[in-house]
Every structure is written in structure tokens, then in C-alpha cells.
PDB file of N, CA and C in Angstrom:
ATOM      1  N   MET A   1       0.803  -1.078   0.034  1.00  0.00           N
ATOM      2  CA  MET A   1      -0.022  -0.010  -0.040  1.00  0.00           C
ATOM      3  C   MET A   1       0.924   1.247   0.038  1.00  0.00           C
ATOM      4  N   ALA A   2       0.691   2.119  -0.829  1.00  0.00           N
ATOM      5  CA  ALA A   2       1.472   3.326  -0.922  1.00  0.00           C
ATOM      6  C   ALA A   2       0.478   4.510  -1.576  1.00  0.00           C
ATOM      7  N   ASP A   3       0.943   5.734  -1.320  1.00  0.00           N
ATOM      8  CA  ASP A   3       0.365   6.890  -1.909  1.00  0.00           C
ATOM      9  C   ASP A   3       1.199   7.153  -3.209  1.00  0.00           C
ATOM     10  N   ASP A   4       1.024   8.197  -3.741  1.00  0.00           N
ATOM     11  CA  ASP A   4       1.857   8.611  -4.946  1.00  0.00           C
ATOM     12  C   ASP A   4       3.127   9.476  -4.717  1.00  0.00           C
ATOM     13  N   PHE A   5       3.703   9.356  -3.350  1.00  0.00           N
ATOM     14  CA  PHE A   5       4.962   9.925  -3.108  1.00  0.00           C
ATOM     15  C   PHE A   5       6.073   9.252  -4.113  1.00  0.00           C
ATOM     16  N   LYS A   6       6.849  10.063  -4.645  1.00  0.00           N
ATOM     17  CA  LYS A   6       7.820   9.546  -5.530  1.00  0.00           C
ATOM     18  C   LYS A   6       8.778   8.371  -5.064  1.00  0.00           C
ATOM     19  N   ALA A   7       9.150   8.587  -3.779  1.00  0.00           N
ATOM     20  CA  ALA A   7      10.041   7.424  -3.283  1.00  0.00           C
ATOM     21  C   ALA A   7       9.465   6.004  -3.342  1.00  0.00           C
ATOM     22  N   TYR A   8       8.150   5.997  -3.283  1.00  0.00           N
ATOM     23  CA  TYR A   8       7.500   4.618  -3.411  1.00  0.00           C
ATOM     24  C   TYR A   8       7.353   4.083  -4.856  1.00  0.00           C
ATOM     25  N   GLY A   9       7.674   4.795  -5.860  1.00  0.00           N
ATOM     26  CA  GLY A   9       7.588   4.473  -7.239  1.00  0.00           C
ATOM     27  C   GLY A   9       8.454   3.237  -7.636  1.00  0.00           C
ATOM     28  N   GLY A  10       9.491   3.108  -6.874  1.00  0.00           N
ATOM     29  CA  GLY A  10      10.396   1.915  -7.255  1.00  0.00           C
ATOM     30  C   GLY A  10      10.064   0.686  -6.540  1.00  0.00           C
ATOM     31  N   LEU A  11       9.058   0.673  -5.731  1.00  0.00           N
ATOM     32  CA  LEU A  11       8.741  -0.748  -5.167  1.00  0.00           C
ATOM     33  C   LEU A  11       8.464  -1.701  -6.115  1.00  0.00           C
ATOM     34  N   ALA A  12       9.241  -2.766  -6.226  1.00  0.00           N
ATOM     35  CA  ALA A  12       8.872  -3.784  -7.174  1.00  0.00           C
ATOM     36  C   ALA A  12       8.787  -5.232  -6.502  1.00  0.00           C
ATOM     37  N   LEU A  13       9.071  -5.192  -5.174  1.00  0.00           N
ATOM     38  CA  LEU A  13       9.004  -6.488  -4.515  1.00  0.00           C
ATOM     39  C   LEU A  13       7.561  -7.034  -4.584  1.00  0.00           C
ATOM     40  N   PRO A  14       7.581  -8.261  -4.886  1.00  0.00           N
ATOM     41  CA  PRO A  14       6.110  -8.881  -4.739  1.00  0.00           C
ATOM     42  C   PRO A  14       5.584  -9.027  -3.384  1.00  0.00           C
ATOM     43  N   PHE A  15       4.577  -8.286  -3.146  1.00  0.00           N
ATOM     44  CA  PHE A  15       3.840  -8.386  -1.889  1.00  0.00           C
ATOM     45  C   PHE A  15       2.796  -9.410  -1.877  1.00  0.00           C
ATOM     46  N   GLU A  16       2.683 -10.053  -0.596  1.00  0.00           N
ATOM     47  CA  GLU A  16       1.749 -11.134  -0.473  1.00  0.00           C
ATOM     48  C   GLU A  16       0.288 -10.809  -0.872  1.00  0.00           C
ATOM     49  N   GLY A  17      -0.158  -9.505  -0.453  1.00  0.00           N
ATOM     50  CA  GLY A  17      -1.451  -9.161  -0.747  1.00  0.00           C
ATOM     51  C   GLY A  17      -1.584  -8.172  -1.858  1.00  0.00           C
ATOM     52  N   GLY A  18      -0.441  -8.199  -2.613  1.00  0.00           N
ATOM     53  CA  GLY A  18      -0.428  -7.253  -3.824  1.00  0.00           C
ATOM     54  C   GLY A  18      -0.101  -5.927  -3.310  1.00  0.00           C
ATOM     55  N   HIS A  19       0.242  -5.118  -4.276  1.00  0.00           N
ATOM     56  CA  HIS A  19       0.742  -3.617  -4.002  1.00  0.00           C
ATOM     57  C   HIS A  19      -0.246  -2.666  -4.864  1.00  0.00           C
ATOM     58  N   ASN A  20      -1.000  -1.850  -3.992  1.00  0.00           N
ATOM     59  CA  ASN A  20      -1.875  -0.961  -4.668  1.00  0.00           C
ATOM     60  C   ASN A  20      -1.414   0.518  -4.293  1.00  0.00           C
ATOM     61  N   ARG A  21      -1.742   1.418  -5.132  1.00  0.00           N
ATOM     62  CA  ARG A  21      -1.301   2.923  -4.945  1.00  0.00           C
ATOM     63  C   ARG A  21      -2.553   3.669  -5.007  1.00  0.00           C
ATOM     64  N   ILE A  22      -2.528   4.709  -4.090  1.00  0.00           N
ATOM     65  CA  ILE A  22      -3.649   5.721  -3.962  1.00  0.00           C
ATOM     66  C   ILE A  22      -3.093   7.026  -4.392  1.00  0.00           C
ATOM     67  N   ARG A  23      -3.689   7.686  -5.404  1.00  0.00           N
ATOM     68  CA  ARG A  23      -3.410   8.980  -6.070  1.00  0.00           C
ATOM     69  C   ARG A  23      -3.857  10.141  -5.348  1.00  0.00           C
ATOM     70  N   HIS A  24      -3.270  10.519  -4.229  1.00  0.00           N
ATOM     71  CA  HIS A  24      -3.875  11.682  -3.570  1.00  0.00           C
ATOM     72  C   HIS A  24      -3.751  13.001  -4.370  1.00  0.00           C
ATOM     73  N   LYS A  25      -2.577  13.072  -5.216  1.00  0.00           N
ATOM     74  CA  LYS A  25      -2.470  14.227  -6.033  1.00  0.00           C
ATOM     75  C   LYS A  25      -3.738  14.501  -6.999  1.00  0.00           C
ATOM     76  N   ARG A  26      -4.450  13.343  -7.293  1.00  0.00           N
ATOM     77  CA  ARG A  26      -5.535  13.334  -8.378  1.00  0.00           C
ATOM     78  C   ARG A  26      -6.765  13.560  -7.578  1.00  0.00           C
ATOM     79  N   GLY A  27      -6.714  13.729  -6.037  1.00  0.00           N
ATOM     80  CA  GLY A  27      -8.041  13.782  -5.309  1.00  0.00           C
ATOM     81  C   GLY A  27      -8.485  12.419  -4.982  1.00  0.00           C
ATOM     82  N   ILE A  28      -7.867  11.306  -5.258  1.00  0.00           N
ATOM     83  CA  ILE A  28      -8.285   9.988  -4.890  1.00  0.00           C
ATOM     84  C   ILE A  28      -7.736   9.622  -3.580  1.00  0.00           C
ATOM     85  N   TYR A  29      -8.711   9.429  -2.567  1.00  0.00           N
ATOM     86  CA  TYR A  29      -8.140   9.012  -1.235  1.00  0.00           C
ATOM     87  C   TYR A  29      -8.589   7.580  -0.950  1.00  0.00           C
ATOM     88  N   ALA A  30      -9.307   7.027  -1.570  1.00  0.00           N
ATOM     89  CA  ALA A  30      -9.819   5.614  -1.417  1.00  0.00           C
ATOM     90  C   ALA A  30     -10.171   4.976  -2.830  1.00  0.00           C
ATOM     91  N   ASN A  31     -10.007   3.733  -2.871  1.00  0.00           N
ATOM     92  CA  ASN A  31     -10.464   3.018  -4.121  1.00  0.00           C
ATOM     93  C   ASN A  31     -10.977   1.666  -3.543  1.00  0.00           C
ATOM     94  N   GLY A  32     -12.293   1.663  -3.249  1.00  0.00           N
ATOM     95  CA  GLY A  32     -12.908   0.322  -2.653  1.00  0.00           C
ATOM     96  C   GLY A  32     -12.304   0.180  -1.292  1.00  0.00           C
ATOM     97  N   ASP A  33     -11.701  -1.026  -1.006  1.00  0.00           N
ATOM     98  CA  ASP A  33     -11.022  -1.296   0.250  1.00  0.00           C
ATOM     99  C   ASP A  33      -9.556  -0.819   0.353  1.00  0.00           C
ATOM    100  N   VAL A  34      -9.063  -0.084  -0.862  1.00  0.00           N
ATOM    101  CA  VAL A  34      -7.728   0.288  -0.810  1.00  0.00           C
ATOM    102  C   VAL A  34      -7.631   1.714  -0.373  1.00  0.00           C
ATOM    103  N   ARG A  35      -6.971   1.869   0.729  1.00  0.00           N
ATOM    104  CA  ARG A  35      -6.678   3.249   1.311  1.00  0.00           C
ATOM    105  C   ARG A  35      -5.445   3.211   2.029  1.00  0.00           C
ATOM    106  N   THR A  36      -4.942   4.411   2.519  1.00  0.00           N
ATOM    107  CA  THR A  36      -3.641   4.464   3.211  1.00  0.00           C
ATOM    108  C   THR A  36      -3.785   4.759   4.717  1.00  0.00           C
ATOM    109  N   ASN A  37      -4.961   5.036   5.089  1.00  0.00           N
ATOM    110  CA  ASN A  37      -5.205   5.473   6.492  1.00  0.00           C
ATOM    111  C   ASN A  37      -4.514   4.529   7.581  1.00  0.00           C
ATOM    112  N   ALA A  38      -4.817   3.282   7.270  1.00  0.00           N
ATOM    113  CA  ALA A  38      -4.459   2.294   8.253  1.00  0.00           C
ATOM    114  C   ALA A  38      -2.725   2.360   8.323  1.00  0.00           C
ATOM    115  N   VAL A  39      -2.152   2.333   7.180  1.00  0.00           N
ATOM    116  CA  VAL A  39      -0.577   2.337   7.081  1.00  0.00           C
ATOM    117  C   VAL A  39      -0.291   3.624   7.841  1.00  0.00           C
ATOM    118  N   GLU A  40      -0.775   4.805   7.515  1.00  0.00           N
ATOM    119  CA  GLU A  40      -0.506   6.092   8.174  1.00  0.00           C
ATOM    120  C   GLU A  40      -0.697   6.045   9.682  1.00  0.00           C
ATOM    121  N   GLY A  41      -1.786   5.422  10.038  1.00  0.00           N
ATOM    122  CA  GLY A  41      -1.994   5.382  11.600  1.00  0.00           C
ATOM    123  C   GLY A  41      -0.999   4.398  12.176  1.00  0.00           C
ATOM    124  N   SER A  42      -0.621   3.355  11.598  1.00  0.00           N
ATOM    125  CA  SER A  42       0.391   2.415  12.129  1.00  0.00           C
ATOM    126  C   SER A  42       1.740   3.124  12.257  1.00  0.00           C
ATOM    127  N   HIS A  43       2.058   3.870  11.201  1.00  0.00           N
ATOM    128  CA  HIS A  43       3.477   4.658  11.375  1.00  0.00           C
ATOM    129  C   HIS A  43       3.440   5.715  12.400  1.00  0.00           C
ATOM    130  N   ALA A  44       2.247   6.304  12.538  1.00  0.00           N
ATOM    131  CA  ALA A  44       2.117   7.461  13.559  1.00  0.00           C
ATOM    132  C   ALA A  44       2.250   6.849  14.917  1.00  0.00           C
ATOM    133  N   LEU A  45       1.723   5.722  15.173  1.00  0.00           N
ATOM    134  CA  LEU A  45       1.791   5.010  16.388  1.00  0.00           C
ATOM    135  C   LEU A  45       3.278   4.671  16.734  1.00  0.00           C
ATOM    136  N   VAL A  46       4.065   4.124  15.775  1.00  0.00           N
ATOM    137  CA  VAL A  46       5.470   4.021  15.980  1.00  0.00           C
ATOM    138  C   VAL A  46       6.278   5.173  16.167  1.00  0.00           C
ATOM    139  N   LYS A  47       5.969   6.214  15.451  1.00  0.00           N
ATOM    140  CA  LYS A  47       6.758   7.487  15.605  1.00  0.00           C
ATOM    141  C   LYS A  47       6.395   8.118  16.933  1.00  0.00           C
ATOM    142  N   ARG A  48       5.200   7.985  17.535  1.00  0.00           N
ATOM    143  CA  ARG A  48       4.918   8.613  18.754  1.00  0.00           C
ATOM    144  C   ARG A  48       5.545   7.700  19.888  1.00  0.00           C
ATOM    145  N   GLY A  49       5.605   6.429  19.656  1.00  0.00           N
ATOM    146  CA  GLY A  49       6.233   5.530  20.664  1.00  0.00           C
ATOM    147  C   GLY A  49       7.628   5.900  20.708  1.00  0.00           C
ATOM    148  N   ILE A  50       8.449   5.945  19.700  1.00  0.00           N
ATOM    149  CA  ILE A  50       9.830   6.161  19.765  1.00  0.00           C
ATOM    150  C   ILE A  50      10.077   7.407  20.152  1.00  0.00           C
ATOM    151  N   LEU A  51       9.521   8.587  19.731  1.00  0.00           N
ATOM    152  CA  LEU A  51       9.780   9.834  20.212  1.00  0.00           C
ATOM    153  C   LEU A  51       9.226  10.175  21.523  1.00  0.00           C
ATOM    154  N   GLY A  52       8.129   9.691  21.998  1.00  0.00           N
ATOM    155  CA  GLY A  52       7.548   9.921  23.261  1.00  0.00           C
ATOM    156  C   GLY A  52       8.005   9.073  24.463  1.00  0.00           C
ATOM    157  N   ILE A  53       8.376   7.762  24.053  1.00  0.00           N
ATOM    158  CA  ILE A  53       8.872   6.812  25.216  1.00  0.00           C
ATOM    159  C   ILE A  53      10.257   6.527  25.034  1.00  0.00           C
ATOM    160  N   TYR A  54      10.642   6.165  24.035  1.00  0.00           N
ATOM    161  CA  TYR A  54      12.130   5.620  23.858  1.00  0.00           C
ATOM    162  C   TYR A  54      13.154   6.658  23.575  1.00  0.00           C
ATOM    163  N   HIS A  55      12.745   7.832  23.087  1.00  0.00           N
ATOM    164  CA  HIS A  55      13.636   8.933  22.524  1.00  0.00           C
ATOM    165  C   HIS A  55      14.727   8.591  21.623  1.00  0.00           C
ATOM    166  N   ASN A  56      15.186   7.365  21.682  1.00  0.00           N
ATOM    167  CA  ASN A  56      16.299   7.052  20.754  1.00  0.00           C
ATOM    168  C   ASN A  56      16.228   5.558  20.585  1.00  0.00           C
ATOM    169  N   VAL A  57      16.352   5.164  19.359  1.00  0.00           N
ATOM    170  CA  VAL A  57      16.376   3.638  18.979  1.00  0.00           C
ATOM    171  C   VAL A  57      17.591   3.348  18.109  1.00  0.00           C
ATOM    172  N   SER A  58      18.356   2.290  18.525  1.00  0.00           N
ATOM    173  CA  SER A  58      19.435   1.930  17.672  1.00  0.00           C
ATOM    174  C   SER A  58      19.010   1.189  16.438  1.00  0.00           C
ATOM    175  N   SER A  59      19.694   1.264  15.408  1.00  0.00           N
ATOM    176  CA  SER A  59      19.364   0.665  14.028  1.00  0.00           C
ATOM    177  C   SER A  59      19.376  -0.956  14.306  1.00  0.00           C
ATOM    178  N   GLN A  60      20.299  -1.402  15.271  1.00  0.00           N
ATOM    179  CA  GLN A  60      20.351  -2.753  15.620  1.00  0.00           C
ATOM    180  C   GLN A  60      18.919  -3.319  16.228  1.00  0.00           C
ATOM    181  N   CYS A  61      18.329  -2.590  17.008  1.00  0.00           N
ATOM    182  CA  CYS A  61      17.127  -3.023  17.619  1.00  0.00           C
ATOM    183  C   CYS A  61      15.754  -2.532  16.981  1.00  0.00           C
ATOM    184  N   LEU A  62      15.932  -1.682  15.982  1.00  0.00           N
ATOM    185  CA  LEU A  62      14.760  -1.081  15.340  1.00  0.00           C
ATOM    186  C   LEU A  62      13.644  -2.003  15.007  1.00  0.00           C
ATOM    187  N   ARG A  63      13.998  -3.126  14.406  1.00  0.00           N
ATOM    188  CA  ARG A  63      13.058  -3.974  13.894  1.00  0.00           C
ATOM    189  C   ARG A  63      12.253  -4.698  15.075  1.00  0.00           C
ATOM    190  N   ARG A  64      12.846  -4.855  16.337  1.00  0.00           N
ATOM    191  CA  ARG A  64      12.157  -5.275  17.504  1.00  0.00           C
ATOM    192  C   ARG A  64      11.077  -4.206  17.909  1.00  0.00           C
ATOM    193  N   TYR A  65      11.486  -2.984  17.873  1.00  0.00           N
ATOM    194  CA  TYR A  65      10.489  -1.923  18.228  1.00  0.00           C
ATOM    195  C   TYR A  65       9.337  -1.810  17.245  1.00  0.00           C
ATOM    196  N   ARG A  66       9.781  -2.109  16.004  1.00  0.00           N
ATOM    197  CA  ARG A  66       8.738  -2.156  15.037  1.00  0.00           C
ATOM    198  C   ARG A  66       7.705  -3.316  15.089  1.00  0.00           C
ATOM    199  N   TRP A  67       8.312  -4.501  15.476  1.00  0.00           N
ATOM    200  CA  TRP A  67       7.428  -5.612  15.723  1.00  0.00           C
ATOM    201  C   TRP A  67       6.504  -5.362  16.909  1.00  0.00           C
ATOM    202  N   ARG A  68       6.988  -4.705  17.940  1.00  0.00           N
ATOM    203  CA  ARG A  68       6.130  -4.428  19.200  1.00  0.00           C
ATOM    204  C   ARG A  68       4.944  -3.499  18.672  1.00  0.00           C
ATOM    205  N   TYR A  69       5.147  -2.352  17.861  1.00  0.00           N
ATOM    206  CA  TYR A  69       4.201  -1.648  17.549  1.00  0.00           C
ATOM    207  C   TYR A  69       3.294  -2.260  16.367  1.00  0.00           C
ATOM    208  N   ASP A  70       3.674  -3.216  15.603  1.00  0.00           N
ATOM    209  CA  ASP A  70       2.992  -3.942  14.728  1.00  0.00           C
ATOM    210  C   ASP A  70       1.872  -4.752  15.529  1.00  0.00           C
ATOM    211  N   PHE A  71       2.447  -5.380  16.682  1.00  0.00           N
ATOM    212  CA  PHE A  71       1.647  -6.136  17.524  1.00  0.00           C
ATOM    213  C   PHE A  71       0.637  -5.337  18.062  1.00  0.00           C
ATOM    214  N   LEU A  72       0.883  -4.217  18.649  1.00  0.00           N
ATOM    215  CA  LEU A  72      -0.060  -3.316  19.298  1.00  0.00           C
ATOM    216  C   LEU A  72      -1.163  -2.973  18.331  1.00  0.00           C
ATOM    217  N   TRP A  73      -0.687  -2.497  17.171  1.00  0.00           N
ATOM    218  CA  TRP A  73      -1.640  -2.120  16.036  1.00  0.00           C
ATOM    219  C   TRP A  73      -2.618  -3.202  15.657  1.00  0.00           C
ATOM    220  N   ASP A  74      -1.935  -4.415  15.411  1.00  0.00           N
ATOM    221  CA  ASP A  74      -2.749  -5.556  15.017  1.00  0.00           C
ATOM    222  C   ASP A  74      -3.893  -6.049  16.069  1.00  0.00           C
ATOM    223  N   ASN A  75      -3.586  -5.746  17.337  1.00  0.00           N
ATOM    224  CA  ASN A  75      -4.429  -6.142  18.417  1.00  0.00           C
ATOM    225  C   ASN A  75      -4.966  -4.906  19.161  1.00  0.00           C
ATOM    226  N   ARG A  76      -5.222  -3.777  18.488  1.00  0.00           N
ATOM    227  CA  ARG A  76      -5.585  -2.529  18.912  1.00  0.00           C
ATOM    228  C   ARG A  76      -7.131  -2.721  19.534  1.00  0.00           C
ATOM    229  N   LYS A  77      -7.883  -3.734  18.967  1.00  0.00           N
ATOM    230  CA  LYS A  77      -9.190  -3.928  19.475  1.00  0.00           C
ATOM    231  C   LYS A  77      -9.500  -4.611  20.671  1.00  0.00           C
ATOM    232  N   LEU A  78      -8.415  -5.380  21.090  1.00  0.00           N
ATOM    233  CA  LEU A  78      -8.376  -6.234  22.275  1.00  0.00           C
ATOM    234  C   LEU A  78      -8.301  -5.380  23.536  1.00  0.00           C
ATOM    235  N   ASN A  79      -8.786  -5.755  24.718  1.00  0.00           N
ATOM    236  CA  ASN A  79      -8.509  -5.121  25.860  1.00  0.00           C
ATOM    237  C   ASN A  79      -7.082  -5.479  26.426  1.00  0.00           C
ATOM    238  N   ASP A  80      -6.668  -4.783  27.559  1.00  0.00           N
ATOM    239  CA  ASP A  80      -5.387  -5.029  27.936  1.00  0.00           C
ATOM    240  C   ASP A  80      -5.029  -6.480  28.430  1.00  0.00           C
ATOM    241  N   SER A  81      -6.081  -7.124  29.156  1.00  0.00           N
ATOM    242  CA  SER A  81      -5.893  -8.602  29.428  1.00  0.00           C
ATOM    243  C   SER A  81      -5.667  -9.376  28.227  1.00  0.00           C
ATOM    244  N   GLU A  82      -6.588  -9.257  27.273  1.00  0.00           N
ATOM    245  CA  GLU A  82      -6.525 -10.053  26.075  1.00  0.00           C
ATOM    246  C   GLU A  82      -5.223  -9.884  25.266  1.00  0.00           C
ATOM    247  N   ARG A  83      -4.809  -8.620  25.187  1.00  0.00           N
ATOM    248  CA  ARG A  83      -3.507  -8.300  24.616  1.00  0.00           C
ATOM    249  C   ARG A  83      -2.295  -8.874  25.240  1.00  0.00           C
ATOM    250  N   SER A  84      -2.357  -8.920  26.641  1.00  0.00           N
ATOM    251  CA  SER A  84      -1.352  -9.471  27.437  1.00  0.00           C
ATOM    252  C   SER A  84      -1.240 -10.981  27.188  1.00  0.00           C
ATOM    253  N   VAL A  85      -2.412 -11.712  27.182  1.00  0.00           N
ATOM    254  CA  VAL A  85      -2.312 -13.071  26.821  1.00  0.00           C
ATOM    255  C   VAL A  85      -1.718 -13.373  25.443  1.00  0.00           C
ATOM    256  N   ALA A  86      -2.278 -12.583  24.534  1.00  0.00           N
ATOM    257  CA  ALA A  86      -1.777 -12.712  23.137  1.00  0.00           C
ATOM    258  C   ALA A  86      -0.176 -12.626  23.098  1.00  0.00           C
ATOM    259  N   ALA A  87       0.370 -11.645  23.829  1.00  0.00           N
ATOM    260  CA  ALA A  87       1.728 -11.405  23.820  1.00  0.00           C
ATOM    261  C   ALA A  87       2.497 -12.538  24.450  1.00  0.00           C
ATOM    262  N   ILE A  88       2.116 -12.988  25.604  1.00  0.00           N
ATOM    263  CA  ILE A  88       2.664 -14.163  26.234  1.00  0.00           C
ATOM    264  C   ILE A  88       2.708 -15.310  25.302  1.00  0.00           C
ATOM    265  N   LYS A  89       1.612 -15.592  24.651  1.00  0.00           N
ATOM    266  CA  LYS A  89       1.571 -16.706  23.663  1.00  0.00           C
ATOM    267  C   LYS A  89       2.629 -16.577  22.429  1.00  0.00           C
ATOM    268  N   GLN A  90       2.631 -15.352  22.152  1.00  0.00           N
ATOM    269  CA  GLN A  90       3.660 -15.154  20.982  1.00  0.00           C
ATOM    270  C   GLN A  90       5.125 -15.107  21.422  1.00  0.00           C
ATOM    271  N   ALA A  91       5.359 -14.909  22.717  1.00  0.00           N
ATOM    272  CA  ALA A  91       6.672 -14.758  23.151  1.00  0.00           C
ATOM    273  C   ALA A  91       7.349 -16.136  23.635  1.00  0.00           C
ATOM    274  N   ASP A  92       6.570 -17.261  23.574  1.00  0.00           N
ATOM    275  CA  ASP A  92       7.038 -18.567  23.990  1.00  0.00           C
ATOM    276  C   ASP A  92       8.380 -18.954  23.349  1.00  0.00           C
ATOM    277  N   ASN A  93       9.424 -19.163  23.988  1.00  0.00           N
ATOM    278  CA  ASN A  93      10.674 -19.627  23.562  1.00  0.00           C
ATOM    279  C   ASN A  93      11.529 -18.517  22.858  1.00  0.00           C
ATOM    280  N   LEU A  94      11.176 -17.277  22.916  1.00  0.00           N
ATOM    281  CA  LEU A  94      11.743 -16.126  22.135  1.00  0.00           C
ATOM    282  C   LEU A  94      12.686 -15.406  23.181  1.00  0.00           C
ATOM    283  N   CYS A  95      13.896 -14.978  22.664  1.00  0.00           N
ATOM    284  CA  CYS A  95      14.809 -14.198  23.478  1.00  0.00           C
ATOM    285  C   CYS A  95      14.320 -12.714  23.134  1.00  0.00           C
ATOM    286  N   LEU A  96      14.052 -11.925  24.122  1.00  0.00           N
ATOM    287  CA  LEU A  96      13.356 -10.663  23.919  1.00  0.00           C
ATOM    288  C   LEU A  96      14.364  -9.418  24.183  1.00  0.00           C
ATOM    289  N   THR A  97      15.742  -9.740  24.121  1.00  0.00           N
ATOM    290  CA  THR A  97      16.644  -8.805  24.163  1.00  0.00           C
ATOM    291  C   THR A  97      17.550  -8.718  22.819  1.00  0.00           C
ATOM    292  N   CYS A  98      18.105  -7.511  22.504  1.00  0.00           N
ATOM    293  CA  CYS A  98      18.981  -7.385  21.434  1.00  0.00           C
ATOM    294  C   CYS A  98      20.292  -7.963  21.651  1.00  0.00           C
ATOM    295  N   LYS A  99      21.015  -8.575  20.718  1.00  0.00           N
ATOM    296  CA  LYS A  99      22.384  -9.088  20.779  1.00  0.00           C
ATOM    297  C   LYS A  99      23.143  -7.784  21.064  1.00  0.00           C
ATOM    298  N   GLY A 100      24.149  -7.869  21.850  1.00  0.00           N
ATOM    299  CA  GLY A 100      25.098  -6.790  22.133  1.00  0.00           C
ATOM    300  C   GLY A 100      24.473  -5.809  23.172  1.00  0.00           C
ATOM    301  N   SER A 101      23.345  -5.887  23.593  1.00  0.00           N
ATOM    302  CA  SER A 101      22.704  -5.180  24.656  1.00  0.00           C
ATOM    303  C   SER A 101      23.270  -5.476  26.140  1.00  0.00           C
ATOM    304  N   PRO A 102      23.238  -4.707  27.055  1.00  0.00           N
ATOM    305  CA  PRO A 102      23.758  -5.230  28.297  1.00  0.00           C
ATOM    306  C   PRO A 102      22.832  -6.269  28.862  1.00  0.00           C
ATOM    307  N   LEU A 103      21.659  -6.450  28.395  1.00  0.00           N
ATOM    308  CA  LEU A 103      20.671  -7.422  29.040  1.00  0.00           C
ATOM    309  C   LEU A 103      20.884  -8.856  28.312  1.00  0.00           C
ATOM    310  N   HIS A 104      21.552  -8.895  27.216  1.00  0.00           N
ATOM    311  CA  HIS A 104      21.571 -10.051  26.352  1.00  0.00           C
ATOM    312  C   HIS A 104      22.594 -10.976  27.068  1.00  0.00           C
ATOM    313  N   ALA A 105      22.230 -12.247  27.493  1.00  0.00           N
ATOM    314  CA  ALA A 105      23.251 -13.199  28.066  1.00  0.00           C
ATOM    315  C   ALA A 105      23.892 -14.043  27.017  1.00  0.00           C
TER     316      ALA A 105
END
């Protein structure tokens, strides 16, 4: 999913669900189920989290922060208890620290 920003023009990777573009410059903001609002909302959540909570994120651990916010976005309709249970189920046998961090054993 992308809008008509020039930087997205070179996206040629095959995406599992396909790749659609929304032409904001032409006044088109949705095309059926295709819209960029969810993507923009997800990115805004990540940006607010990094700037408002963590302040600085190393490139080494960025993907883990991204995964965290992907999880929060995907489970945004769950209450806190349901989201906690889902997180625990997904964390089974995973190391939750970054290599090279003081917490990594």
C-alpha cells in the first residue's frame, strides 16, 4: 500500500497481498477497500512511541520496536488482558533482548 509519493515508485518487490497505490494528487483517497489511512496510523503509532517513550532507538534493535508496534496495532481492538495473553503466547521460547545489549546473556 502506498500513496503517490515519488520514493514509493520503485517498489517492485512482490507483496503477499499485492501492492496498490492511492493517487492523492488526483484527489483520490480511497479505491474500494484500498486506502492508506491504516498504514499512516500504524506509522504514527511507531513514531509517537519512539519519540515519546524511547527517545532514541538503535538501528540494531529498530526491527524489534517495529514488531512491538505492529503487535499493538494488530491487536488494538483487544482489551489489556486479552492483549497480554496474546503477547505471552507469541513470546514462547523467544529471546526478547537485542544481541550486544547489556541485558543479552
